[in-house]
């Protein structure tokens, strides 16, 4: 004998599958309607929402079948007084229009109307729900004197309980205690919501404070980089001017270099001031390179040793991040008397704004330190472009007695020592560079070399923007 058994619970039939899918679609539609309505409701002014809530509750209090549904304390014999019942029902619903702005007044009016309605034994009404909304509103919206409201509220409820008991309410005393705990829980629920709302507001404030602090730190790094580099370059060039008096052409060239450096400093400071004004124009205008180039290293592929190009002026009104061409930066430093070579390796690809600016600032700050602490020593800037990162190294040689005796090409007559630049340091140099590189997920090292020189190395990822 052959027997077959099937279990319908393991493989639901077509009707059950269709029904499940239909229910899921209906639930999704209802959820979408709810989200849409909630977004619309939350977007309306709070006062308008309270007025609409009071109006809806009033309408429902006189519309069947909800008109006879509501709270009833004491179970007193029902008394019919239509006019008085309507007035007391309105007293329990209309004050909700000010439940958020004046929650204490709302609770007073609603509670008084509710107490009289229950004490007279009038028919049940949906308007009694206004008492729960008023209690919740006091907990959620009362800003001052919340604890002072507890005493009169408890006293009023105790008085209502005594009145109902005196009028022959059959409920035992413990029932009034339970009802009081329920009302206190509604009040407490509003207080919990208010606490969460305050905690969220505090969290947003702290986030805003942290964002402001981060922006200030970023602007401090930018100001440090701009001021120390350009001002140091101008100081070095000015100190070298007395040693060039015998050659008018060299004096003219040095003055032109000082002027170009000052213009660059003004252009970068103009951008930073634009950020401090918080006009939003910098984000709208988009990034714009400094004059003379389109990025930190130019656009030439392969390997090259740059001789630099003449720096130009700044576009007036530019509020884009102040980046420039490394060739101009090297040429500017070379004109200040520092022997610098720029070596680019690999094919340069377009860099994200954060990586682009970090490369430029790293070279800028490193050259500034070379001018301040290793004046006259040969310095090499090596930039290697890869597919996923950029390697940057700025290194200077050890002590060069020939350059330090003043017999170099710039300081030139051999009888006077080369001027030492005055230190203009804000103490943020290497620390600021390390923070910049780490924000992009890169590696940064800086330290002395075996020959007595100093080197700064960084590997900067190019897969994202800061």
Protein backbone atom coordinates (compact mmCIF):
# COMPACT_ATOMS: atom_id res chain seq x y z
CA UNK A 1 0.00 0.00 0.00
CA UNK A 2 1.43 3.40 -1.00
CA UNK A 3 0.86 6.45 1.12
CA UNK A 4 1.69 10.06 0.37
CA UNK A 5 1.73 12.86 2.84
CA UNK A 6 1.88 16.56 2.15
CA UNK A 7 2.39 19.42 4.52
CA UNK A 8 0.72 22.57 3.36
CA UNK A 9 2.60 24.64 5.93
CA UNK A 10 5.90 23.93 4.23
CA UNK A 11 4.82 25.03 0.78
CA UNK A 12 2.11 27.67 0.85
CA UNK A 13 -0.33 27.63 -1.99
CA UNK A 14 -0.74 30.30 -4.63
CA UNK A 15 -3.62 31.95 -2.79
CA UNK A 16 -1.60 32.28 0.40
CA UNK A 17 1.41 33.69 -1.45
CA UNK A 18 -0.69 36.26 -3.25
CA UNK A 19 -2.40 37.23 -0.02
CA UNK A 20 0.93 37.67 1.76
CA UNK A 21 2.29 39.78 -1.04
CA UNK A 22 -0.86 41.86 -1.14
CA UNK A 23 -0.64 42.48 2.60
CA UNK A 24 3.03 43.43 2.29
CA UNK A 25 2.23 45.89 -0.50
CA UNK A 26 -0.60 47.38 1.52
CA UNK A 27 1.67 47.74 4.54
CA UNK A 28 4.31 49.45 2.38
CA UNK A 29 1.71 51.84 0.96
CA UNK A 30 0.38 52.67 4.42
CA UNK A 31 3.92 53.23 5.70
CA UNK A 32 4.60 55.58 2.79
CA UNK A 33 1.40 57.51 3.49
CA UNK A 34 2.32 57.75 7.15
CA UNK A 35 5.80 59.08 6.40
CA UNK A 36 4.39 61.63 3.98
CA UNK A 37 1.74 62.81 6.42
CA UNK A 38 4.18 62.92 9.33
CA UNK A 39 6.69 64.97 7.31
CA UNK A 40 3.90 67.39 6.34
CA UNK A 41 2.63 67.60 9.91
CA UNK A 42 6.07 68.16 11.43
CA UNK A 43 6.82 70.85 8.87
CA UNK A 44 3.90 73.01 10.01
CA UNK A 45 4.27 75.66 12.75
CA UNK A 46 3.69 74.33 16.24
CA UNK A 47 0.93 76.84 17.03
CA UNK A 48 -0.96 75.86 13.88
CA UNK A 49 -0.67 72.19 14.76
CA UNK A 50 -2.05 72.80 18.25
CA UNK A 51 -5.03 74.73 16.89
CA UNK A 52 -5.77 71.99 14.39
CA UNK A 53 -5.49 69.34 17.12
CA UNK A 54 -7.95 71.23 19.32
CA UNK A 55 -10.37 71.59 16.39
CA UNK A 56 -10.19 67.88 15.47
CA UNK A 57 -10.72 66.77 19.07
CA UNK A 58 -13.70 69.11 19.38
CA UNK A 59 -15.31 67.72 16.24
CA UNK A 60 -14.75 64.12 17.35
CA UNK A 61 -16.30 64.89 20.75
CA UNK A 62 -19.65 65.62 19.08
CA UNK A 63 -19.50 63.06 16.26
CA UNK A 64 -20.79 59.53 16.51
CA UNK A 65 -19.63 56.95 17.43
CA UNK A 66 -16.85 58.62 19.46
CA UNK A 67 -19.09 61.15 21.16
CA UNK A 68 -19.97 58.73 23.96
CA UNK A 69 -16.48 57.27 24.41
CA UNK A 70 -14.25 58.71 27.11
CA UNK A 71 -12.99 58.59 30.68
CA UNK A 72 -15.47 58.29 33.53
CA UNK A 73 -14.41 58.50 37.16
CA UNK A 74 -16.60 57.62 40.15
CA UNK A 75 -19.45 55.95 38.25
CA UNK A 76 -21.96 58.49 39.53
CA UNK A 77 -25.53 58.31 38.23
CA UNK A 78 -25.75 59.95 34.81
CA UNK A 79 -27.25 63.43 34.78
CA UNK A 80 -28.52 64.98 31.53
CA UNK A 81 -27.78 68.68 31.11
CA UNK A 82 -27.10 69.19 27.39
CA UNK A 83 -26.07 72.85 27.48
CA UNK A 84 -23.75 72.41 30.46
CA UNK A 85 -22.31 69.21 28.95
CA UNK A 86 -21.48 71.04 25.70
CA UNK A 87 -19.80 73.92 27.54
CA UNK A 88 -17.72 71.61 29.69
CA UNK A 89 -16.74 69.51 26.65
CA UNK A 90 -15.53 72.63 24.88
CA UNK A 91 -13.61 73.54 28.03
CA UNK A 92 -11.72 70.26 27.74
CA UNK A 93 -10.81 70.60 24.05
CA UNK A 94 -10.41 74.25 23.05
CA UNK A 95 -7.60 75.08 25.57
CA UNK A 96 -5.43 72.56 23.74
CA UNK A 97 -4.83 75.28 21.14
CA UNK A 98 -2.24 76.76 23.54
CA UNK A 99 -0.91 73.51 24.97
CA UNK A 100 2.68 74.08 23.79
CA UNK A 101 2.92 77.83 24.31
CA UNK A 102 1.14 77.96 27.70
CA UNK A 103 0.91 74.39 28.99
CA UNK A 104 0.15 75.38 32.61
CA UNK A 105 -2.87 77.48 31.57
CA UNK A 106 -4.03 74.68 29.29
CA UNK A 107 -3.88 72.10 32.09
CA UNK A 108 -5.69 74.44 34.49
CA UNK A 109 -8.64 75.05 32.16
CA UNK A 110 -8.88 71.45 30.96
CA UNK A 111 -8.52 70.03 34.49
CA UNK A 112 -11.17 72.36 35.92
CA UNK A 113 -13.65 71.49 33.16
CA UNK A 114 -12.90 67.80 33.54
CA UNK A 115 -13.38 67.90 37.32
CA UNK A 116 -16.73 69.68 37.12
CA UNK A 117 -17.88 67.32 34.35
CA UNK A 118 -17.07 64.24 36.44
CA UNK A 119 -18.45 65.68 39.69
CA UNK A 120 -21.84 66.39 38.11
CA UNK A 121 -22.07 62.91 36.60
CA UNK A 122 -22.60 64.16 33.04
CA UNK A 123 -22.52 61.63 30.17
CA UNK A 124 -19.18 60.35 28.93
CA UNK A 125 -17.55 62.34 26.15
CA UNK A 126 -14.51 61.96 23.94
CA UNK A 127 -13.49 65.45 25.09
CA UNK A 128 -12.13 63.87 28.28
CA UNK A 129 -9.08 62.81 26.22
CA UNK A 130 -8.05 66.43 26.46
CA UNK A 131 -6.96 65.86 30.07
CA UNK A 132 -4.34 63.32 28.98
CA UNK A 133 -3.09 65.61 26.22
CA UNK A 134 -2.86 68.52 28.68
CA UNK A 135 -0.88 66.43 31.18
CA UNK A 136 1.49 65.27 28.44
CA UNK A 137 1.92 68.84 27.23
CA UNK A 138 2.94 70.07 30.68
CA UNK A 139 5.61 67.39 30.88
CA UNK A 140 6.84 67.96 27.33
CA UNK A 141 6.62 71.75 26.91
CA UNK A 142 6.71 73.47 30.31
CA UNK A 143 10.03 75.30 30.50
CA UNK A 144 9.75 76.97 33.91
CA UNK A 145 8.13 75.96 37.19
CA UNK A 146 7.55 72.33 36.24
CA UNK A 147 8.09 71.14 39.81
CA UNK A 148 5.83 73.85 41.21
CA UNK A 149 2.98 72.56 39.07
CA UNK A 150 3.15 69.11 40.65
CA UNK A 151 1.80 70.23 44.04
CA UNK A 152 -1.37 71.99 42.79
CA UNK A 153 -2.00 69.18 40.28
CA UNK A 154 -1.85 66.52 43.00
CA UNK A 155 -3.99 68.67 45.30
CA UNK A 156 -6.60 69.15 42.60
CA UNK A 157 -6.79 65.43 41.90
CA UNK A 158 -7.11 64.67 45.61
CA UNK A 159 -9.94 67.20 45.89
CA UNK A 160 -11.73 65.58 42.93
CA UNK A 161 -11.38 62.16 44.53
CA UNK A 162 -12.84 63.46 47.82
CA UNK A 163 -15.76 65.11 46.00
CA UNK A 164 -16.55 61.96 44.03
CA UNK A 165 -16.40 59.83 47.18
CA UNK A 166 -18.63 62.30 49.05
CA UNK A 167 -21.20 62.19 46.24
CA UNK A 168 -21.51 58.44 46.63
CA UNK A 169 -19.06 57.07 44.07
CA UNK A 170 -18.82 53.29 44.57
CA UNK A 171 -15.10 53.05 43.74
CA UNK A 172 -12.74 52.06 46.57
CA UNK A 173 -9.86 54.43 47.50
CA UNK A 174 -7.22 52.22 45.87
CA UNK A 175 -8.87 52.80 42.49
CA UNK A 176 -8.21 56.50 42.81
CA UNK A 177 -4.57 55.74 43.57
CA UNK A 178 -4.25 53.62 40.44
CA UNK A 179 -5.91 56.30 38.30
CA UNK A 180 -3.57 58.92 39.79
CA UNK A 181 -0.56 56.79 38.89
CA UNK A 182 -1.82 56.53 35.31
CA UNK A 183 -2.17 60.30 35.08
CA UNK A 184 1.32 60.73 36.56
CA UNK A 185 2.70 58.31 33.99
CA UNK A 186 1.22 60.44 31.17
CA UNK A 187 2.88 63.51 32.68
CA UNK A 188 6.13 61.58 33.02
CA UNK A 189 5.96 60.45 29.39
CA UNK A 190 5.91 64.08 28.30
CA UNK A 191 8.89 64.79 30.58
CA UNK A 192 10.83 61.94 28.97
CA UNK A 193 10.13 63.35 25.52
CA UNK A 194 11.25 66.79 26.67
CA UNK A 195 14.46 65.31 28.08
CA UNK A 196 15.24 63.50 24.85
CA UNK A 197 14.54 66.64 22.88
CA UNK A 198 16.88 68.62 25.11
CA UNK A 199 19.57 65.94 24.79
CA UNK A 200 19.27 66.03 21.01
CA UNK A 201 19.53 69.82 21.01
CA UNK A 202 22.64 69.60 23.21
CA UNK A 203 24.14 66.98 20.91
CA UNK A 204 23.58 69.21 17.89
CA UNK A 205 25.11 72.13 19.75
CA UNK A 206 28.20 70.11 20.61
CA UNK A 207 28.48 68.95 17.00
CA UNK A 208 28.28 72.56 15.86
CA UNK A 209 30.91 73.58 18.42
CA UNK A 210 33.20 70.75 17.28
CA UNK A 211 32.71 71.71 13.64
CA UNK A 212 33.49 75.34 14.48
CA UNK A 213 36.62 74.31 16.37
CA UNK A 214 37.74 72.11 13.47
CA UNK A 215 37.19 74.96 11.02
CA UNK A 216 39.11 77.35 13.24
CA UNK A 217 41.96 74.86 13.45
CA UNK A 218 41.97 74.47 9.68
CA UNK A 219 42.01 78.24 9.17
CA UNK A 220 44.81 78.54 11.75
CA UNK A 221 46.88 76.05 9.74
CA UNK A 222 46.16 77.92 6.53
CA UNK A 223 47.11 81.26 8.10
CA UNK A 224 50.28 79.76 9.51
CA UNK A 225 51.29 78.37 6.13
CA UNK A 226 50.54 81.61 4.30
CA UNK A 227 52.11 84.00 6.78
CA UNK A 228 55.24 82.05 7.65
CA UNK A 229 56.10 81.15 4.06
CA UNK A 230 55.50 84.48 2.36
CA UNK A 231 56.67 86.70 5.19
CA UNK A 232 59.81 84.61 5.67
CA UNK A 233 60.53 84.84 1.95
CA UNK A 234 60.10 88.62 2.00
CA UNK A 235 62.32 88.95 5.08
CA UNK A 236 65.08 86.89 3.47
CA UNK A 237 64.86 88.83 0.21
CA UNK A 238 64.88 92.16 2.06
CA UNK A 239 67.89 91.14 4.14
CA UNK A 240 69.74 90.17 0.97
CA UNK A 241 69.08 93.52 -0.75
CA UNK A 242 72.05 95.40 0.84
CA UNK A 243 74.44 92.83 -0.61
CA UNK A 244 73.13 93.44 -4.12
CA UNK A 245 73.57 97.22 -4.26
CA UNK A 246 76.53 96.89 -6.60
CA UNK A 247 74.26 95.32 -9.26
CA UNK A 248 71.16 97.42 -10.05
CA UNK A 249 69.71 94.62 -12.16
CA UNK A 250 69.89 92.22 -9.21
CA UNK A 251 68.28 94.81 -6.93
CA UNK A 252 65.42 95.25 -9.39
CA UNK A 253 64.99 91.49 -9.61
CA UNK A 254 64.97 91.15 -5.81
CA UNK A 255 62.40 93.93 -5.43
CA UNK A 256 60.24 92.26 -8.07
CA UNK A 257 60.45 88.99 -6.16
CA UNK A 258 59.40 90.74 -2.94
CA UNK A 259 56.46 92.34 -4.73
CA UNK A 260 55.37 89.00 -6.21
CA UNK A 261 55.62 87.32 -2.83
CA UNK A 262 53.49 90.03 -1.24
CA UNK A 263 50.85 89.70 -3.95
CA UNK A 264 50.68 85.97 -3.41
CA UNK A 265 50.28 86.46 0.32
CA UNK A 266 47.47 88.95 -0.26
CA UNK A 267 45.71 86.56 -2.63
CA UNK A 268 45.78 83.71 -0.13
CA UNK A 269 44.80 85.93 2.79
CA UNK A 270 41.91 87.28 0.71
CA UNK A 271 40.58 83.75 0.35
CA UNK A 272 40.89 83.05 4.08
CA UNK A 273 39.11 86.29 4.92
CA UNK A 274 36.37 85.26 2.53
CA UNK A 275 35.96 82.01 4.45
CA UNK A 276 35.80 83.89 7.75
CA UNK A 277 33.06 86.11 6.33
CA UNK A 278 31.01 82.90 5.84
CA UNK A 279 29.44 84.28 2.66
CA UNK A 280 29.34 80.84 1.03
CA UNK A 281 30.78 82.27 -2.20
CA UNK A 282 33.89 80.11 -2.03
CA UNK A 283 31.90 76.92 -2.34
CA UNK A 284 29.77 78.35 -5.11
CA UNK A 285 32.67 79.71 -7.17
CA UNK A 286 34.55 76.40 -7.20
CA UNK A 287 38.29 75.85 -6.90
CA UNK A 288 40.62 78.09 -8.79
CA UNK A 289 44.41 77.71 -8.94
CA UNK A 290 46.88 80.37 -8.08
CA UNK A 291 48.33 82.30 -11.00
CA UNK A 292 50.92 80.60 -13.03
CA UNK A 293 49.75 77.00 -12.85
CA UNK A 294 46.86 74.63 -12.51
CA UNK A 295 48.00 72.51 -9.62
CA UNK A 296 50.81 71.68 -7.29
CA UNK A 297 53.08 70.21 -9.82
CA UNK A 298 52.06 71.40 -13.23
CA UNK A 299 50.87 68.98 -15.89
CA UNK A 300 53.99 67.59 -17.44
CA UNK A 301 54.35 63.80 -17.42
CA UNK A 302 57.54 61.89 -16.97
CA UNK A 303 60.48 63.10 -14.93
CA UNK A 304 61.69 66.67 -15.03
CA UNK A 305 63.85 69.10 -13.09
CA UNK A 306 61.99 72.36 -13.06
CA UNK A 307 63.51 75.75 -13.48
CA UNK A 308 60.29 77.46 -12.48
CA UNK A 309 58.18 80.15 -14.03
CA UNK A 310 57.50 83.73 -13.21
CA UNK A 311 54.79 84.14 -10.67
CA UNK A 312 51.91 86.36 -11.58
CA UNK A 313 49.27 88.35 -9.87
CA UNK A 314 46.10 87.17 -8.29
CA UNK A 315 42.66 87.27 -9.75
CA UNK A 316 40.69 89.84 -7.81
CA UNK A 317 37.81 88.51 -5.81
CA UNK A 318 38.91 84.89 -6.03
CA UNK A 319 37.56 82.93 -3.05
CA UNK A 320 38.71 79.49 -4.13
CA UNK A 321 41.20 77.46 -2.07
CA UNK A 322 44.55 79.15 -2.56
CA UNK A 323 46.63 76.48 -4.24
CA UNK A 324 49.50 77.17 -6.60
CA UNK A 325 52.08 75.64 -8.90
CA UNK A 326 55.06 74.01 -7.24
CA UNK A 327 57.27 75.39 -9.99
CA UNK A 328 56.30 78.94 -9.03
CA UNK A 329 56.85 78.07 -5.39
CA UNK A 330 60.35 76.73 -6.10
CA UNK A 331 61.19 79.72 -8.29
CA UNK A 332 60.04 82.11 -5.59
CA UNK A 333 62.21 80.35 -2.99
CA UNK A 334 65.17 80.30 -5.39
CA UNK A 335 64.87 84.05 -5.92
CA UNK A 336 65.14 84.46 -2.16
CA UNK A 337 68.62 82.95 -2.31
CA UNK A 338 67.85 79.34 -1.45
CA UNK A 339 69.17 76.82 -4.02
CA UNK A 340 66.21 74.55 -4.76
CA UNK A 341 65.55 71.85 -7.37
CA UNK A 342 62.13 70.42 -8.16
CA UNK A 343 62.01 66.83 -9.42
CA UNK A 344 58.75 65.33 -10.65
CA UNK A 345 58.46 61.61 -11.25
CA UNK A 346 55.65 59.73 -12.94
CA UNK A 347 52.62 60.91 -14.83
CA UNK A 348 50.65 63.50 -12.98
CA UNK A 349 46.93 62.72 -12.74
CA UNK A 350 44.21 65.12 -11.54
CA UNK A 351 44.25 65.11 -7.73
CA UNK A 352 41.37 65.56 -5.32
CA UNK A 353 41.21 69.03 -3.83
CA UNK A 354 42.32 67.86 -0.38
CA UNK A 355 45.34 65.94 -1.67
CA UNK A 356 46.21 68.74 -4.10
CA UNK A 357 46.21 71.40 -1.38
CA UNK A 358 48.07 69.16 1.08
CA UNK A 359 50.89 68.54 -1.41
CA UNK A 360 51.25 72.26 -2.01
CA UNK A 361 51.15 73.20 1.68
CA UNK A 362 53.61 70.46 2.58
CA UNK A 363 56.19 71.70 0.06
CA UNK A 364 55.48 75.31 1.01
CA UNK A 365 56.01 74.75 4.73
CA UNK A 366 59.07 72.56 4.17
CA UNK A 367 60.73 75.20 1.99
CA UNK A 368 59.90 77.83 4.59
CA UNK A 369 61.66 75.76 7.24
CA UNK A 370 64.62 75.22 4.90
CA UNK A 371 64.95 78.98 4.40
CA UNK A 372 64.70 79.63 8.14
CA UNK A 373 66.90 76.86 9.47
CA UNK A 374 69.09 75.81 6.53
CA UNK A 375 69.68 79.02 4.64
CA UNK A 376 71.97 78.60 1.64
CA UNK A 377 71.95 74.80 1.70
CA UNK A 378 70.94 72.92 -1.40
CA UNK A 379 67.33 71.70 -1.15
CA UNK A 380 65.58 69.10 -3.29
CA UNK A 381 61.83 68.78 -3.72
CA UNK A 382 60.84 65.37 -5.11
CA UNK A 383 57.24 64.62 -6.04
CA UNK A 384 56.37 61.13 -7.27
CA UNK A 385 52.92 60.65 -8.77
CA UNK A 386 51.36 57.19 -8.47
CA UNK A 387 47.98 55.77 -9.29
CA UNK A 388 46.83 55.63 -5.65
CA UNK A 389 49.13 58.04 -3.85
CA UNK A 390 51.62 60.88 -4.18
CA UNK A 391 55.06 60.66 -2.57
CA UNK A 392 56.58 63.97 -1.51
CA UNK A 393 60.06 64.52 -0.09
CA UNK A 394 61.74 67.82 0.73
CA UNK A 395 65.35 67.40 1.84
CA UNK A 396 68.28 69.74 2.32
CA UNK A 397 71.96 68.92 2.47
CA UNK A 398 74.19 69.22 5.50
CA UNK A 399 76.14 72.36 6.44
CA UNK A 400 77.72 74.08 3.43
CA UNK A 401 80.65 76.21 4.56
CA UNK A 402 80.99 77.88 1.15
CA UNK A 403 77.41 79.11 1.16
CA UNK A 404 77.52 80.14 4.79
CA UNK A 405 80.64 82.28 4.15
CA UNK A 406 78.60 84.48 1.83
CA UNK A 407 80.33 83.47 -1.40
CA UNK A 408 77.25 81.99 -2.99
CA UNK A 409 75.67 83.24 -6.17
CA UNK A 410 73.16 85.50 -4.45
CA UNK A 411 75.05 86.95 -1.52
CA UNK A 412 78.03 87.35 -3.51
CA UNK A 413 81.09 89.35 -2.76
CA UNK A 414 82.68 86.97 -0.25
CA UNK A 415 83.41 89.74 2.25
CA UNK A 416 80.12 89.73 4.14
CA UNK A 417 78.43 86.77 5.76
CA UNK A 418 75.09 85.67 4.36
CA UNK A 419 72.24 87.20 6.34
CA UNK A 420 70.40 84.81 8.63
CA UNK A 421 66.63 85.09 8.34
CA UNK A 422 64.62 86.15 11.34
CA UNK A 423 62.40 83.34 12.58
CA UNK A 424 58.70 83.89 11.94
CA UNK A 425 57.16 80.78 13.40
CA UNK A 426 53.79 80.05 14.87
CA UNK A 427 54.78 76.65 16.21
CA UNK A 428 52.34 74.80 13.94
CA UNK A 429 54.68 73.79 11.10
CA UNK A 430 55.46 70.08 11.29
CA UNK A 431 52.51 69.38 13.59
CA UNK A 432 50.14 71.01 11.15
CA UNK A 433 51.63 69.06 8.23
CA UNK A 434 51.33 65.79 10.12
CA UNK A 435 47.68 66.51 10.90
CA UNK A 436 46.94 67.42 7.28
CA UNK A 437 48.43 64.19 5.97
CA UNK A 438 46.78 62.00 8.61
CA UNK A 439 43.37 63.51 7.84
CA UNK A 440 43.76 62.06 4.35
CA UNK A 441 44.92 58.68 5.68
CA UNK A 442 48.55 59.18 4.64
CA UNK A 443 51.96 58.72 6.28
CA UNK A 444 54.22 61.54 7.44
CA UNK A 445 57.79 61.46 8.73
CA UNK A 446 60.27 64.24 9.41
CA UNK A 447 63.74 64.15 10.93
CA UNK A 448 67.46 64.74 10.50
CA UNK A 449 69.54 63.00 7.84
CA UNK A 450 72.85 61.22 8.27
CA UNK A 451 74.76 64.02 6.51
CA UNK A 452 73.42 66.62 8.94
CA UNK A 453 70.57 67.80 6.75
CA UNK A 454 66.85 67.45 7.31
CA UNK A 455 64.11 65.75 5.33
CA UNK A 456 60.32 65.71 5.30
CA UNK A 457 58.56 62.76 3.66
CA UNK A 458 54.88 62.10 3.12
CA UNK A 459 52.77 59.59 1.21
CA UNK A 460 49.38 61.13 0.45
CA UNK A 461 46.52 58.94 -0.83
CA UNK A 462 44.71 60.27 -3.88
CA UNK A 463 41.59 58.13 -3.70
CA UNK A 464 39.49 60.65 -1.74
CA UNK A 465 39.07 64.26 -0.77
CA UNK A 466 39.48 65.86 2.60
